[in-house]
């Protein structure tokens, strides 16, 4: 990107960074149930700062980008119906706060899309997601080194959160590389982001990332020579790793863990026969359903 392009991308990147920081979780295991929670208040203030910055940018933008209104109308309808449902269930306070934050987020996104071309807005959003996800993963390497999955340090994101924040930017970088707009630096960024997704052990995110990568590559009609060479090297390497190492089995079973690295199915509880885990899985599913029914459902804002 030319120097002028870099300078132009700084503003939307910083606003997106504030937005992402205000949306990710800052603490684990905490459910907002109403009241003046300090963390929720601080995150809302950051979101308001991002909105104010987007308003200033929009006012100073001489030429605004075209933008339809159907998606906004659908979003407002969903938020209104959800708020009415929350009122009927008696969870008006936390749900109202959540609805207001959704509206603030929608307003910020709309103003950014009106101020900047769609391509620039999406690229800077992906960059902000990658920065937050990578920083959280790097500060949480101690958890993985102690034998667990890669979790977040600052902020304390879950492995699935890190996989989501790093997976989408990895796809964006791959798209640039596949269309001949990449460089050695982008290849290194793609490798790091993909490695972080793999280290989280998030099976859904990993399989979705692989499938999306295939879609991106299949849409390239005339790939550059470097991209074709990378694919020719990567495919047999991946096949060899999956065929001759327990990597795939470890990812699928996650070392015998079922959910988020906490629930396990010991062999003595699997039942008789050839180690069939279905009875134990059904038991755990029933216990989880009863637990969810007892605790109810509230929006997580922390």
C-alpha atoms as a PDB file:
ATOM      1  CA  UNK A   1       0.000   0.000   0.000  1.00  0.00           C
ATOM      2  CA  UNK A   2       1.454   3.427  -0.836  1.00  0.00           C
ATOM      3  CA  UNK A   3       2.350   5.851   1.937  1.00  0.00           C
ATOM      4  CA  UNK A   4      -0.764   7.931   1.314  1.00  0.00           C
ATOM      5  CA  UNK A   5      -2.843   4.763   1.543  1.00  0.00           C
ATOM      6  CA  UNK A   6      -1.212   3.855   4.849  1.00  0.00           C
ATOM      7  CA  UNK A   7      -1.956   7.299   6.281  1.00  0.00           C
ATOM      8  CA  UNK A   8      -5.546   7.080   5.104  1.00  0.00           C
ATOM      9  CA  UNK A   9      -5.950   3.653   6.703  1.00  0.00           C
ATOM     10  CA  UNK A  10      -4.741   4.793  10.126  1.00  0.00           C
ATOM     11  CA  UNK A  11      -7.979   6.576  11.048  1.00  0.00           C
ATOM     12  CA  UNK A  12     -10.435   3.737  10.300  1.00  0.00           C
ATOM     13  CA  UNK A  13      -7.997   1.235  11.827  1.00  0.00           C
ATOM     14  CA  UNK A  14      -7.894   3.133  15.121  1.00  0.00           C
ATOM     15  CA  UNK A  15     -11.675   3.458  15.216  1.00  0.00           C
ATOM     16  CA  UNK A  16     -12.117  -0.244  14.452  1.00  0.00           C
ATOM     17  CA  UNK A  17      -9.554  -1.029  17.154  1.00  0.00           C
ATOM     18  CA  UNK A  18     -11.645   0.841  19.710  1.00  0.00           C
ATOM     19  CA  UNK A  19     -14.741  -0.988  18.512  1.00  0.00           C
ATOM     20  CA  UNK A  20     -13.154  -4.434  18.753  1.00  0.00           C
ATOM     21  CA  UNK A  21     -11.669  -3.705  22.182  1.00  0.00           C
ATOM     22  CA  UNK A  22     -15.080  -2.573  23.428  1.00  0.00           C
ATOM     23  CA  UNK A  23     -16.754  -5.748  22.151  1.00  0.00           C
ATOM     24  CA  UNK A  24     -14.424  -8.547  23.261  1.00  0.00           C
ATOM     25  CA  UNK A  25     -14.706  -9.958  26.739  1.00  0.00           C
ATOM     26  CA  UNK A  26     -12.527  -8.456  29.454  1.00  0.00           C
ATOM     27  CA  UNK A  27     -13.113 -11.172  32.038  1.00  0.00           C
ATOM     28  CA  UNK A  28     -14.054 -14.830  32.127  1.00  0.00           C
ATOM     29  CA  UNK A  29     -17.078 -16.385  33.779  1.00  0.00           C
ATOM     30  CA  UNK A  30     -18.886 -13.129  34.523  1.00  0.00           C
ATOM     31  CA  UNK A  31     -22.463 -12.535  33.374  1.00  0.00           C
ATOM     32  CA  UNK A  32     -23.921  -9.048  33.434  1.00  0.00           C
ATOM     33  CA  UNK A  33     -27.301  -8.945  35.162  1.00  0.00           C
ATOM     34  CA  UNK A  34     -27.907  -5.206  35.368  1.00  0.00           C
ATOM     35  CA  UNK A  35     -26.656  -2.274  37.376  1.00  0.00           C
ATOM     36  CA  UNK A  36     -23.639  -0.007  37.026  1.00  0.00           C
ATOM     37  CA  UNK A  37     -20.988  -2.624  36.370  1.00  0.00           C
ATOM     38  CA  UNK A  38     -17.594  -0.849  36.081  1.00  0.00           C
ATOM     39  CA  UNK A  39     -16.363  -3.024  33.216  1.00  0.00           C
ATOM     40  CA  UNK A  40     -19.562  -2.555  31.235  1.00  0.00           C
ATOM     41  CA  UNK A  41     -19.447   1.206  31.826  1.00  0.00           C
ATOM     42  CA  UNK A  42     -15.821   1.473  30.658  1.00  0.00           C
ATOM     43  CA  UNK A  43     -16.512  -0.606  27.559  1.00  0.00           C
ATOM     44  CA  UNK A  44     -19.541   1.547  26.765  1.00  0.00           C
ATOM     45  CA  UNK A  45     -17.397   4.684  27.133  1.00  0.00           C
ATOM     46  CA  UNK A  46     -14.838   3.277  24.684  1.00  0.00           C
ATOM     47  CA  UNK A  47     -17.644   2.469  22.271  1.00  0.00           C
ATOM     48  CA  UNK A  48     -18.941   6.047  22.587  1.00  0.00           C
ATOM     49  CA  UNK A  49     -15.460   7.398  21.847  1.00  0.00           C
ATOM     50  CA  UNK A  50     -15.340   5.259  18.699  1.00  0.00           C
ATOM     51  CA  UNK A  51     -18.781   6.550  17.685  1.00  0.00           C
ATOM     52  CA  UNK A  52     -17.745  10.170  18.292  1.00  0.00           C
ATOM     53  CA  UNK A  53     -14.601   9.677  16.198  1.00  0.00           C
ATOM     54  CA  UNK A  54     -16.683   8.139  13.401  1.00  0.00           C
ATOM     55  CA  UNK A  55     -19.056  11.141  13.522  1.00  0.00           C
ATOM     56  CA  UNK A  56     -16.137  13.592  13.225  1.00  0.00           C
ATOM     57  CA  UNK A  57     -14.690  11.630  10.297  1.00  0.00           C
ATOM     58  CA  UNK A  58     -18.068  11.548   8.553  1.00  0.00           C
ATOM     59  CA  UNK A  59     -18.533  15.314   8.956  1.00  0.00           C
ATOM     60  CA  UNK A  60     -15.095  15.944   7.460  1.00  0.00           C
ATOM     61  CA  UNK A  61     -15.630  13.546   4.552  1.00  0.00           C
ATOM     62  CA  UNK A  62     -16.368  15.501   1.345  1.00  0.00           C
ATOM     63  CA  UNK A  63     -17.558  12.497  -0.687  1.00  0.00           C
ATOM     64  CA  UNK A  64     -19.669   9.851   1.038  1.00  0.00           C
ATOM     65  CA  UNK A  65     -19.963   6.251  -0.072  1.00  0.00           C
ATOM     66  CA  UNK A  66     -23.326   4.807  -1.160  1.00  0.00           C
ATOM     67  CA  UNK A  67     -24.954   2.593   1.431  1.00  0.00           C
ATOM     68  CA  UNK A  68     -28.310   0.802   1.485  1.00  0.00           C
ATOM     69  CA  UNK A  69     -30.675   0.802   4.431  1.00  0.00           C
ATOM     70  CA  UNK A  70     -32.281  -2.636   4.352  1.00  0.00           C
ATOM     71  CA  UNK A  71     -29.696  -4.271   6.626  1.00  0.00           C
ATOM     72  CA  UNK A  72     -30.075  -1.480   9.173  1.00  0.00           C
ATOM     73  CA  UNK A  73     -33.864  -1.832   9.137  1.00  0.00           C
ATOM     74  CA  UNK A  74     -33.599  -5.596   9.689  1.00  0.00           C
ATOM     75  CA  UNK A  75     -31.143  -5.088  12.543  1.00  0.00           C
ATOM     76  CA  UNK A  76     -33.390  -2.554  14.278  1.00  0.00           C
ATOM     77  CA  UNK A  77     -36.348  -4.928  13.907  1.00  0.00           C
ATOM     78  CA  UNK A  78     -34.378  -7.778  15.505  1.00  0.00           C
ATOM     79  CA  UNK A  79     -33.217  -5.549  18.361  1.00  0.00           C
ATOM     80  CA  UNK A  80     -36.776  -4.302  18.972  1.00  0.00           C
ATOM     81  CA  UNK A  81     -38.226  -7.822  19.035  1.00  0.00           C
ATOM     82  CA  UNK A  82     -35.436  -9.015  21.350  1.00  0.00           C
ATOM     83  CA  UNK A  83     -36.041  -6.131  23.740  1.00  0.00           C
ATOM     84  CA  UNK A  84     -39.768  -6.865  23.857  1.00  0.00           C
ATOM     85  CA  UNK A  85     -39.009 -10.522  24.536  1.00  0.00           C
ATOM     86  CA  UNK A  86     -36.601  -9.553  27.314  1.00  0.00           C
ATOM     87  CA  UNK A  87     -39.303  -7.394  28.889  1.00  0.00           C
ATOM     88  CA  UNK A  88     -41.679 -10.343  28.832  1.00  0.00           C
ATOM     89  CA  UNK A  89     -39.062 -12.558  30.495  1.00  0.00           C
ATOM     90  CA  UNK A  90     -38.207 -10.016  33.175  1.00  0.00           C
ATOM     91  CA  UNK A  91     -34.641  -9.306  32.018  1.00  0.00           C
ATOM     92  CA  UNK A  92     -35.303  -5.776  30.822  1.00  0.00           C
ATOM     93  CA  UNK A  93     -32.283  -4.023  32.373  1.00  0.00           C
ATOM     94  CA  UNK A  94     -29.408  -6.090  30.944  1.00  0.00           C
ATOM     95  CA  UNK A  95     -31.162  -6.595  27.622  1.00  0.00           C
ATOM     96  CA  UNK A  96     -31.789  -2.861  27.242  1.00  0.00           C
ATOM     97  CA  UNK A  97     -28.105  -2.152  27.825  1.00  0.00           C
ATOM     98  CA  UNK A  98     -27.234  -4.792  25.219  1.00  0.00           C
ATOM     99  CA  UNK A  99     -29.713  -3.295  22.737  1.00  0.00           C
ATOM    100  CA  UNK A 100     -28.250   0.185  23.204  1.00  0.00           C
ATOM    101  CA  UNK A 101     -24.746  -1.111  22.602  1.00  0.00           C
ATOM    102  CA  UNK A 102     -25.895  -2.867  19.438  1.00  0.00           C
ATOM    103  CA  UNK A 103     -27.400   0.392  18.201  1.00  0.00           C
ATOM    104  CA  UNK A 104     -24.167   2.268  19.008  1.00  0.00           C
ATOM    105  CA  UNK A 105     -22.182  -0.371  17.143  1.00  0.00           C
ATOM    106  CA  UNK A 106     -24.482  -0.197  14.125  1.00  0.00           C
ATOM    107  CA  UNK A 107     -24.220   3.592  14.029  1.00  0.00           C
ATOM    108  CA  UNK A 108     -20.415   3.419  14.166  1.00  0.00           C
ATOM    109  CA  UNK A 109     -20.247   0.850  11.374  1.00  0.00           C
ATOM    110  CA  UNK A 110     -22.610   2.844   9.163  1.00  0.00           C
ATOM    111  CA  UNK A 111     -20.603   6.042   9.574  1.00  0.00           C
ATOM    112  CA  UNK A 112     -17.353   4.271   8.765  1.00  0.00           C
ATOM    113  CA  UNK A 113     -18.857   2.691   5.652  1.00  0.00           C
ATOM    114  CA  UNK A 114     -20.165   6.094   4.573  1.00  0.00           C
ATOM    115  CA  UNK A 115     -16.762   7.698   5.108  1.00  0.00           C
ATOM    116  CA  UNK A 116     -14.425   5.128   3.559  1.00  0.00           C
ATOM    117  CA  UNK A 117     -14.524   2.767   0.563  1.00  0.00           C
ATOM    118  CA  UNK A 118     -15.766  -0.687   1.436  1.00  0.00           C
ATOM    119  CA  UNK A 119     -12.437  -2.332   0.631  1.00  0.00           C
ATOM    120  CA  UNK A 120     -10.506  -0.016   2.940  1.00  0.00           C
ATOM    121  CA  UNK A 121     -13.090  -0.355   5.710  1.00  0.00           C
ATOM    122  CA  UNK A 122     -12.987  -4.166   5.591  1.00  0.00           C
ATOM    123  CA  UNK A 123      -9.176  -4.327   5.421  1.00  0.00           C
ATOM    124  CA  UNK A 124      -8.749  -2.059   8.428  1.00  0.00           C
ATOM    125  CA  UNK A 125     -11.410  -3.991  10.364  1.00  0.00           C
ATOM    126  CA  UNK A 126      -9.577  -7.259   9.717  1.00  0.00           C
ATOM    127  CA  UNK A 127      -6.307  -5.624  10.750  1.00  0.00           C
ATOM    128  CA  UNK A 128      -7.838  -4.456  14.040  1.00  0.00           C
ATOM    129  CA  UNK A 129      -9.229  -7.937  14.703  1.00  0.00           C
ATOM    130  CA  UNK A 130      -5.831  -9.493  14.015  1.00  0.00           C
ATOM    131  CA  UNK A 131      -4.054  -7.084  16.367  1.00  0.00           C
ATOM    132  CA  UNK A 132      -6.435  -7.737  19.270  1.00  0.00           C
ATOM    133  CA  UNK A 133      -6.477 -11.505  18.725  1.00  0.00           C
ATOM    134  CA  UNK A 134      -2.710 -11.830  18.287  1.00  0.00           C
ATOM    135  CA  UNK A 135      -1.943  -9.619  21.298  1.00  0.00           C
ATOM    136  CA  UNK A 136      -4.299 -11.631  23.486  1.00  0.00           C
ATOM    137  CA  UNK A 137      -2.762 -14.892  22.238  1.00  0.00           C
ATOM    138  CA  UNK A 138       0.830 -13.736  22.740  1.00  0.00           C
ATOM    139  CA  UNK A 139       0.116 -12.585  26.284  1.00  0.00           C
ATOM    140  CA  UNK A 140      -1.572 -15.927  26.993  1.00  0.00           C
ATOM    141  CA  UNK A 141       1.176 -18.244  25.732  1.00  0.00           C
ATOM    142  CA  UNK A 142       1.839 -19.393  29.290  1.00  0.00           C
ATOM    143  CA  UNK A 143      -1.422 -21.335  29.328  1.00  0.00           C
ATOM    144  CA  UNK A 144      -0.468 -23.283  26.221  1.00  0.00           C
ATOM    145  CA  UNK A 145       3.085 -23.882  27.463  1.00  0.00           C
ATOM    146  CA  UNK A 146       1.647 -25.375  30.648  1.00  0.00           C
ATOM    147  CA  UNK A 147      -0.202 -27.979  28.593  1.00  0.00           C
ATOM    148  CA  UNK A 148      -3.537 -26.316  27.858  1.00  0.00           C
ATOM    149  CA  UNK A 149      -5.030 -24.715  24.783  1.00  0.00           C
ATOM    150  CA  UNK A 150      -3.940 -21.310  23.607  1.00  0.00           C
ATOM    151  CA  UNK A 151      -6.027 -18.836  25.586  1.00  0.00           C
ATOM    152  CA  UNK A 152      -5.913 -15.102  25.971  1.00  0.00           C
ATOM    153  CA  UNK A 153      -3.907 -13.118  28.474  1.00  0.00           C
ATOM    154  CA  UNK A 154      -4.764  -9.458  27.886  1.00  0.00           C
ATOM    155  CA  UNK A 155      -7.662  -9.390  27.256  1.00  0.00           C
ATOM    156  CA  UNK A 156      -8.527 -12.848  28.671  1.00  0.00           C
ATOM    157  CA  UNK A 157     -10.170 -14.214  25.540  1.00  0.00           C
ATOM    158  CA  UNK A 158     -11.232 -17.820  25.197  1.00  0.00           C
ATOM    159  CA  UNK A 159      -9.530 -20.047  22.604  1.00  0.00           C
ATOM    160  CA  UNK A 160     -12.620 -19.807  20.399  1.00  0.00           C
ATOM    161  CA  UNK A 161     -12.532 -16.001  20.582  1.00  0.00           C
ATOM    162  CA  UNK A 162      -8.897 -15.924  19.502  1.00  0.00           C
ATOM    163  CA  UNK A 163      -9.638 -18.332  16.655  1.00  0.00           C
ATOM    164  CA  UNK A 164     -12.443 -16.098  15.423  1.00  0.00           C
ATOM    165  CA  UNK A 165     -10.378 -12.911  15.661  1.00  0.00           C
ATOM    166  CA  UNK A 166      -7.397 -14.450  13.847  1.00  0.00           C
ATOM    167  CA  UNK A 167      -9.237 -16.675  11.369  1.00  0.00           C
ATOM    168  CA  UNK A 168     -11.035 -13.963   9.403  1.00  0.00           C
ATOM    169  CA  UNK A 169      -7.897 -11.803   8.964  1.00  0.00           C
ATOM    170  CA  UNK A 170      -6.032 -14.926   7.819  1.00  0.00           C
ATOM    171  CA  UNK A 171      -8.635 -15.373   5.074  1.00  0.00           C
ATOM    172  CA  UNK A 172      -8.273 -11.739   4.065  1.00  0.00           C
ATOM    173  CA  UNK A 173      -4.494 -12.071   3.805  1.00  0.00           C
ATOM    174  CA  UNK A 174      -4.846 -15.285   1.798  1.00  0.00           C
ATOM    175  CA  UNK A 175      -7.214 -13.495  -0.593  1.00  0.00           C
ATOM    176  CA  UNK A 176      -4.600 -10.795  -1.190  1.00  0.00           C
ATOM    177  CA  UNK A 177      -1.843 -13.363  -1.729  1.00  0.00           C
ATOM    178  CA  UNK A 178      -3.951 -15.516  -4.062  1.00  0.00           C
ATOM    179  CA  UNK A 179      -4.690 -12.512  -6.276  1.00  0.00           C
ATOM    180  CA  UNK A 180      -1.050 -11.517  -6.587  1.00  0.00           C
ATOM    181  CA  UNK A 181      -1.228  -8.570  -4.203  1.00  0.00           C
ATOM    182  CA  UNK A 182       0.810 -10.204  -1.482  1.00  0.00           C
ATOM    183  CA  UNK A 183       4.418 -10.061  -0.389  1.00  0.00           C
ATOM    184  CA  UNK A 184       6.761 -11.983   1.833  1.00  0.00           C
ATOM    185  CA  UNK A 185       5.519  -9.991   4.797  1.00  0.00           C
ATOM    186  CA  UNK A 186       1.908 -10.957   4.107  1.00  0.00           C
ATOM    187  CA  UNK A 187       2.900 -14.612   3.782  1.00  0.00           C
ATOM    188  CA  UNK A 188       4.516 -14.413   7.225  1.00  0.00           C
ATOM    189  CA  UNK A 189       1.391 -12.745   8.659  1.00  0.00           C
ATOM    190  CA  UNK A 190      -0.788 -15.464   7.145  1.00  0.00           C
ATOM    191  CA  UNK A 191       1.408 -18.184   8.647  1.00  0.00           C
ATOM    192  CA  UNK A 192       1.303 -16.583  12.108  1.00  0.00           C
ATOM    193  CA  UNK A 193      -2.469 -16.082  12.096  1.00  0.00           C
ATOM    194  CA  UNK A 194      -3.116 -19.611  10.834  1.00  0.00           C
ATOM    195  CA  UNK A 195      -0.737 -20.991  13.463  1.00  0.00           C
ATOM    196  CA  UNK A 196      -2.608 -19.151  16.209  1.00  0.00           C
ATOM    197  CA  UNK A 197      -5.929 -20.609  15.024  1.00  0.00           C
ATOM    198  CA  UNK A 198      -4.379 -24.082  15.056  1.00  0.00           C
ATOM    199  CA  UNK A 199      -2.895 -23.545  18.519  1.00  0.00           C
ATOM    200  CA  UNK A 200      -6.293 -22.645  19.990  1.00  0.00           C
ATOM    201  CA  UNK A 201      -7.583 -26.127  19.280  1.00  0.00           C
ATOM    202  CA  UNK A 202     -10.902 -24.674  18.146  1.00  0.00           C
ATOM    203  CA  UNK A 203     -12.213 -27.422  15.893  1.00  0.00           C
ATOM    204  CA  UNK A 204     -15.120 -25.510  14.378  1.00  0.00           C
ATOM    205  CA  UNK A 205     -12.974 -22.475  13.594  1.00  0.00           C
ATOM    206  CA  UNK A 206     -10.173 -24.613  12.171  1.00  0.00           C
ATOM    207  CA  UNK A 207     -12.394 -26.677   9.878  1.00  0.00           C
ATOM    208  CA  UNK A 208     -14.277 -23.556   8.773  1.00  0.00           C
ATOM    209  CA  UNK A 209     -10.969 -21.814   8.052  1.00  0.00           C
ATOM    210  CA  UNK A 210      -9.713 -24.712   5.939  1.00  0.00           C
ATOM    211  CA  UNK A 211     -12.981 -24.863   3.980  1.00  0.00           C
ATOM    212  CA  UNK A 212     -12.947 -21.104   3.409  1.00  0.00           C
ATOM    213  CA  UNK A 213      -9.321 -21.251   2.256  1.00  0.00           C
ATOM    214  CA  UNK A 214     -10.283 -23.833  -0.345  1.00  0.00           C
ATOM    215  CA  UNK A 215     -13.102 -21.586  -1.559  1.00  0.00           C
ATOM    216  CA  UNK A 216     -10.718 -18.623  -1.852  1.00  0.00           C
ATOM    217  CA  UNK A 217      -8.175 -20.656  -3.808  1.00  0.00           C
ATOM    218  CA  UNK A 218     -10.768 -22.244  -6.102  1.00  0.00           C
ATOM    219  CA  UNK A 219     -12.068 -18.821  -7.118  1.00  0.00           C
ATOM    220  CA  UNK A 220      -8.676 -17.808  -8.516  1.00  0.00           C
ATOM    221  CA  UNK A 221      -8.732 -18.571 -12.239  1.00  0.00           C
ATOM    222  CA  UNK A 222      -5.106 -17.771 -12.990  1.00  0.00           C
ATOM    223  CA  UNK A 223      -3.124 -17.943  -9.771  1.00  0.00           C
ATOM    224  CA  UNK A 224       0.360 -16.404  -9.686  1.00  0.00           C
ATOM    225  CA  UNK A 225       3.278 -18.807  -9.993  1.00  0.00           C
ATOM    226  CA  UNK A 226       4.267 -18.259  -6.372  1.00  0.00           C
ATOM    227  CA  UNK A 227       0.754 -19.104  -5.169  1.00  0.00           C
ATOM    228  CA  UNK A 228       0.598 -22.232  -7.333  1.00  0.00           C
ATOM    229  CA  UNK A 229       3.982 -23.336  -5.981  1.00  0.00           C
ATOM    230  CA  UNK A 230       2.823 -22.795  -2.400  1.00  0.00           C
ATOM    231  CA  UNK A 231      -0.298 -24.879  -3.009  1.00  0.00           C
ATOM    232  CA  UNK A 232       1.710 -27.678  -4.629  1.00  0.00           C
ATOM    233  CA  UNK A 233       3.981 -27.767  -1.600  1.00  0.00           C
ATOM    234  CA  UNK A 234       1.273 -27.327   1.028  1.00  0.00           C
ATOM    235  CA  UNK A 235      -1.144 -30.014  -0.208  1.00  0.00           C
ATOM    236  CA  UNK A 236       1.196 -33.037  -0.056  1.00  0.00           C
ATOM    237  CA  UNK A 237       2.668 -31.731   3.199  1.00  0.00           C
ATOM    238  CA  UNK A 238      -0.774 -31.490   4.772  1.00  0.00           C
ATOM    239  CA  UNK A 239      -1.724 -34.948   3.489  1.00  0.00           C
ATOM    240  CA  UNK A 240       1.449 -36.423   4.947  1.00  0.00           C
ATOM    241  CA  UNK A 241       0.871 -34.760   8.311  1.00  0.00           C
ATOM    242  CA  UNK A 242      -2.725 -35.954   8.488  1.00  0.00           C
ATOM    243  CA  UNK A 243      -1.889 -39.488   7.297  1.00  0.00           C
ATOM    244  CA  UNK A 244       1.248 -40.231   9.298  1.00  0.00           C
ATOM    245  CA  UNK A 245       0.796 -38.210  12.491  1.00  0.00           C
ATOM    246  CA  UNK A 246      -1.956 -38.122  15.144  1.00  0.00           C
ATOM    247  CA  UNK A 247      -2.578 -34.437  14.431  1.00  0.00           C
ATOM    248  CA  UNK A 248      -6.090 -34.870  13.028  1.00  0.00           C
ATOM    249  CA  UNK A 249      -7.119 -37.261  15.801  1.00  0.00           C
ATOM    250  CA  UNK A 250      -5.814 -34.863  18.446  1.00  0.00           C
ATOM    251  CA  UNK A 251      -7.758 -31.987  16.907  1.00  0.00           C
ATOM    252  CA  UNK A 252     -10.994 -33.959  16.609  1.00  0.00           C
ATOM    253  CA  UNK A 253     -10.892 -35.525  20.083  1.00  0.00           C
ATOM    254  CA  UNK A 254      -8.791 -32.769  21.657  1.00  0.00           C
ATOM    255  CA  UNK A 255      -7.064 -35.298  23.859  1.00  0.00           C
ATOM    256  CA  UNK A 256     -10.368 -36.738  25.073  1.00  0.00           C
ATOM    257  CA  UNK A 257     -11.833 -33.349  25.905  1.00  0.00           C
ATOM    258  CA  UNK A 258     -15.307 -32.492  24.756  1.00  0.00           C
ATOM    259  CA  UNK A 259     -16.081 -28.869  25.393  1.00  0.00           C
ATOM    260  CA  UNK A 260     -13.719 -25.948  26.026  1.00  0.00           C
ATOM    261  CA  UNK A 261     -11.082 -28.206  27.478  1.00  0.00           C
ATOM    262  CA  UNK A 262     -13.070 -28.897  30.687  1.00  0.00           C
ATOM    263  CA  UNK A 263     -15.294 -31.933  30.072  1.00  0.00           C
ATOM    264  CA  UNK A 264     -13.675 -35.317  29.533  1.00  0.00           C
ATOM    265  CA  UNK A 265     -15.019 -38.793  28.908  1.00  0.00           C
ATOM    266  CA  UNK A 266     -12.881 -41.260  30.908  1.00  0.00           C
ATOM    267  CA  UNK A 267     -12.719 -44.752  29.502  1.00  0.00           C
ATOM    268  CA  UNK A 268     -14.315 -46.301  32.572  1.00  0.00           C
ATOM    269  CA  UNK A 269     -17.459 -44.214  31.926  1.00  0.00           C
ATOM    270  CA  UNK A 270     -17.790 -44.961  28.255  1.00  0.00           C
ATOM    271  CA  UNK A 271     -19.864 -48.048  28.759  1.00  0.00           C
ATOM    272  CA  UNK A 272     -19.335 -51.576  27.535  1.00  0.00           C
ATOM    273  CA  UNK A 273     -18.387 -52.691  24.105  1.00  0.00           C
ATOM    274  CA  UNK A 274     -15.813 -51.054  21.854  1.00  0.00           C
ATOM    275  CA  UNK A 275     -15.460 -47.893  23.938  1.00  0.00           C
ATOM    276  CA  UNK A 276     -18.675 -46.349  22.657  1.00  0.00           C
ATOM    277  CA  UNK A 277     -18.828 -42.776  24.019  1.00  0.00           C
ATOM    278  CA  UNK A 278     -22.490 -42.202  23.103  1.00  0.00           C
ATOM    279  CA  UNK A 279     -24.029 -43.107  26.504  1.00  0.00           C
ATOM    280  CA  UNK A 280     -21.641 -40.798  28.313  1.00  0.00           C
ATOM    281  CA  UNK A 281     -22.155 -38.031  25.769  1.00  0.00           C
ATOM    282  CA  UNK A 282     -25.928 -38.309  26.160  1.00  0.00           C
ATOM    283  CA  UNK A 283     -25.561 -38.120  29.934  1.00  0.00           C
ATOM    284  CA  UNK A 284     -23.388 -34.999  29.727  1.00  0.00           C
ATOM    285  CA  UNK A 285     -25.775 -33.380  27.246  1.00  0.00           C
ATOM    286  CA  UNK A 286     -28.693 -33.975  29.618  1.00  0.00           C
ATOM    287  CA  UNK A 287     -26.783 -32.518  32.555  1.00  0.00           C
ATOM    288  CA  UNK A 288     -25.853 -29.459  30.520  1.00  0.00           C
ATOM    289  CA  UNK A 289     -29.446 -28.936  29.346  1.00  0.00           C
ATOM    290  CA  UNK A 290     -30.695 -29.102  32.952  1.00  0.00           C
ATOM    291  CA  UNK A 291     -28.006 -26.668  34.041  1.00  0.00           C
ATOM    292  CA  UNK A 292     -28.938 -24.187  31.340  1.00  0.00           C
ATOM    293  CA  UNK A 293     -32.597 -24.501  32.207  1.00  0.00           C
ATOM    294  CA  UNK A 294     -31.841 -23.763  35.871  1.00  0.00           C
ATOM    295  CA  UNK A 295     -29.588 -20.781  35.314  1.00  0.00           C
ATOM    296  CA  UNK A 296     -31.626 -19.137  32.537  1.00  0.00           C
ATOM    297  CA  UNK A 297     -30.179 -17.077  29.713  1.00  0.00           C
ATOM    298  CA  UNK A 298     -28.705 -13.595  30.102  1.00  0.00           C
ATOM    299  CA  UNK A 299     -26.581 -11.481  27.801  1.00  0.00           C
ATOM    300  CA  UNK A 300     -22.846 -11.580  28.467  1.00  0.00           C
ATOM    301  CA  UNK A 301     -21.399  -8.079  28.404  1.00  0.00           C
ATOM    302  CA  UNK A 302     -18.255  -8.476  30.488  1.00  0.00           C
END
